[in-house]
Amino acid sequence: MRSRFWLGSPSLKSLPPENFVNKTMGAKFIAKHAASLEMGRDMVVHCAMEMNHLASFLPDLYNDYHPTK
């Protein structure tokens, strides 16, 4: 299992890319400050907790629906 995150340029999908709001949000200064180091750490901690939780019941759930012959 893998977790992947795109913490790249923020944008509003309801607006075209050339819109002033999206251009401003995608500026290097804004993008640099939108995703902090703490946010990256928090995502790693969240993923570790979530994967640990899933590992506690997914094997049993799989075995319930795929019995060995």
C-alpha atoms as a PDB file:
ATOM      1  CA  MET A   1       0.000   0.000   0.000  1.00  0.00           C
ATOM      2  CA  ARG A   2       1.228   3.461  -0.850  1.00  0.00           C
ATOM      3  CA  SER A   3       0.102   6.962  -0.147  1.00  0.00           C
ATOM      4  CA  ARG A   4       0.894   9.722  -2.586  1.00  0.00           C
ATOM      5  CA  PHE A   5       0.218  13.389  -2.173  1.00  0.00           C
ATOM      6  CA  TRP A   6       0.532  16.289  -4.517  1.00  0.00           C
ATOM      7  CA  LEU A   7       1.360  19.366  -2.501  1.00  0.00           C
ATOM      8  CA  GLY A   8       2.089  21.417  -5.586  1.00  0.00           C
ATOM      9  CA  SER A   9       0.561  24.623  -6.801  1.00  0.00           C
ATOM     10  CA  PRO A  10      -2.845  25.289  -5.265  1.00  0.00           C
ATOM     11  CA  SER A  11      -5.648  26.184  -7.677  1.00  0.00           C
ATOM     12  CA  LEU A  12      -9.405  26.368  -8.012  1.00  0.00           C
ATOM     13  CA  LYS A  13     -10.560  23.812 -10.563  1.00  0.00           C
ATOM     14  CA  SER A  14     -13.761  25.759 -11.179  1.00  0.00           C
ATOM     15  CA  LEU A  15     -11.707  28.592 -12.711  1.00  0.00           C
ATOM     16  CA  PRO A  16      -9.553  28.404 -15.838  1.00  0.00           C
ATOM     17  CA  PRO A  17      -5.770  28.219 -15.285  1.00  0.00           C
ATOM     18  CA  GLU A  18      -5.242  31.699 -16.740  1.00  0.00           C
ATOM     19  CA  ASN A  19      -7.644  33.288 -14.243  1.00  0.00           C
ATOM     20  CA  PHE A  20      -6.067  35.897 -11.937  1.00  0.00           C
ATOM     21  CA  VAL A  21      -6.950  33.919  -8.810  1.00  0.00           C
ATOM     22  CA  ASN A  22      -5.258  30.750 -10.070  1.00  0.00           C
ATOM     23  CA  LYS A  23      -2.233  32.664 -11.310  1.00  0.00           C
ATOM     24  CA  THR A  24      -1.876  34.338  -7.915  1.00  0.00           C
ATOM     25  CA  MET A  25      -2.344  31.098  -5.973  1.00  0.00           C
ATOM     26  CA  GLY A  26       0.207  29.370  -8.215  1.00  0.00           C
ATOM     27  CA  ALA A  27       2.866  32.028  -7.644  1.00  0.00           C
ATOM     28  CA  LYS A  28       6.095  30.632  -6.164  1.00  0.00           C
ATOM     29  CA  PHE A  29       5.767  32.735  -3.010  1.00  0.00           C
ATOM     30  CA  ILE A  30       2.232  31.492  -2.290  1.00  0.00           C
ATOM     31  CA  ALA A  31       3.008  27.866  -3.197  1.00  0.00           C
ATOM     32  CA  LYS A  32       6.113  27.908  -0.986  1.00  0.00           C
ATOM     33  CA  HIS A  33       4.141  29.057   2.043  1.00  0.00           C
ATOM     34  CA  ALA A  34       0.984  27.015   1.389  1.00  0.00           C
ATOM     35  CA  ALA A  35       2.612  23.698   2.346  1.00  0.00           C
ATOM     36  CA  SER A  36       4.729  23.930   5.477  1.00  0.00           C
ATOM     37  CA  LEU A  37       7.198  21.400   6.853  1.00  0.00           C
ATOM     38  CA  GLU A  38       4.729  20.720   9.652  1.00  0.00           C
ATOM     39  CA  MET A  39       2.096  19.799   7.072  1.00  0.00           C
ATOM     40  CA  GLY A  40       4.461  17.240   5.544  1.00  0.00           C
ATOM     41  CA  ARG A  41       5.205  15.738   8.943  1.00  0.00           C
ATOM     42  CA  ASP A  42       1.517  15.639   9.823  1.00  0.00           C
ATOM     43  CA  MET A  43       0.759  13.788   6.574  1.00  0.00           C
ATOM     44  CA  VAL A  44       3.444  11.171   7.327  1.00  0.00           C
ATOM     45  CA  VAL A  45       2.076  10.634  10.848  1.00  0.00           C
ATOM     46  CA  HIS A  46      -1.486  10.396   9.516  1.00  0.00           C
ATOM     47  CA  CYS A  47      -0.486   7.819   6.893  1.00  0.00           C
ATOM     48  CA  ALA A  48       1.412   5.711   9.410  1.00  0.00           C
ATOM     49  CA  MET A  49      -1.584   5.675  11.750  1.00  0.00           C
ATOM     50  CA  GLU A  50      -4.014   4.890   8.935  1.00  0.00           C
ATOM     51  CA  MET A  51      -1.900   2.063   7.480  1.00  0.00           C
ATOM     52  CA  ASN A  52      -1.463   0.557  10.939  1.00  0.00           C
ATOM     53  CA  HIS A  53      -5.233   0.641  11.455  1.00  0.00           C
ATOM     54  CA  LEU A  54      -5.956  -0.917   8.051  1.00  0.00           C
ATOM     55  CA  ALA A  55      -3.371  -3.642   8.649  1.00  0.00           C
ATOM     56  CA  SER A  56      -5.268  -4.660  11.781  1.00  0.00           C
ATOM     57  CA  PHE A  57      -8.395  -5.812   9.910  1.00  0.00           C
ATOM     58  CA  LEU A  58      -7.837  -5.991   6.142  1.00  0.00           C
ATOM     59  CA  PRO A  59      -6.149  -9.437   6.120  1.00  0.00           C
ATOM     60  CA  ASP A  60      -9.090 -10.965   7.999  1.00  0.00           C
ATOM     61  CA  LEU A  61     -11.585  -9.204   5.766  1.00  0.00           C
ATOM     62  CA  TYR A  62      -9.782 -10.508   2.682  1.00  0.00           C
ATOM     63  CA  ASN A  63      -9.801 -14.049   4.080  1.00  0.00           C
ATOM     64  CA  ASP A  64     -13.553 -13.800   4.752  1.00  0.00           C
ATOM     65  CA  TYR A  65     -14.222 -13.159   1.056  1.00  0.00           C
ATOM     66  CA  HIS A  66     -11.421 -15.300  -0.412  1.00  0.00           C
ATOM     67  CA  PRO A  67     -11.315 -18.559   1.520  1.00  0.00           C
ATOM     68  CA  THR A  68      -8.364 -20.825   0.756  1.00  0.00           C
ATOM     69  CA  LYS A  69      -9.124 -24.047  -1.031  1.00  0.00           C
END
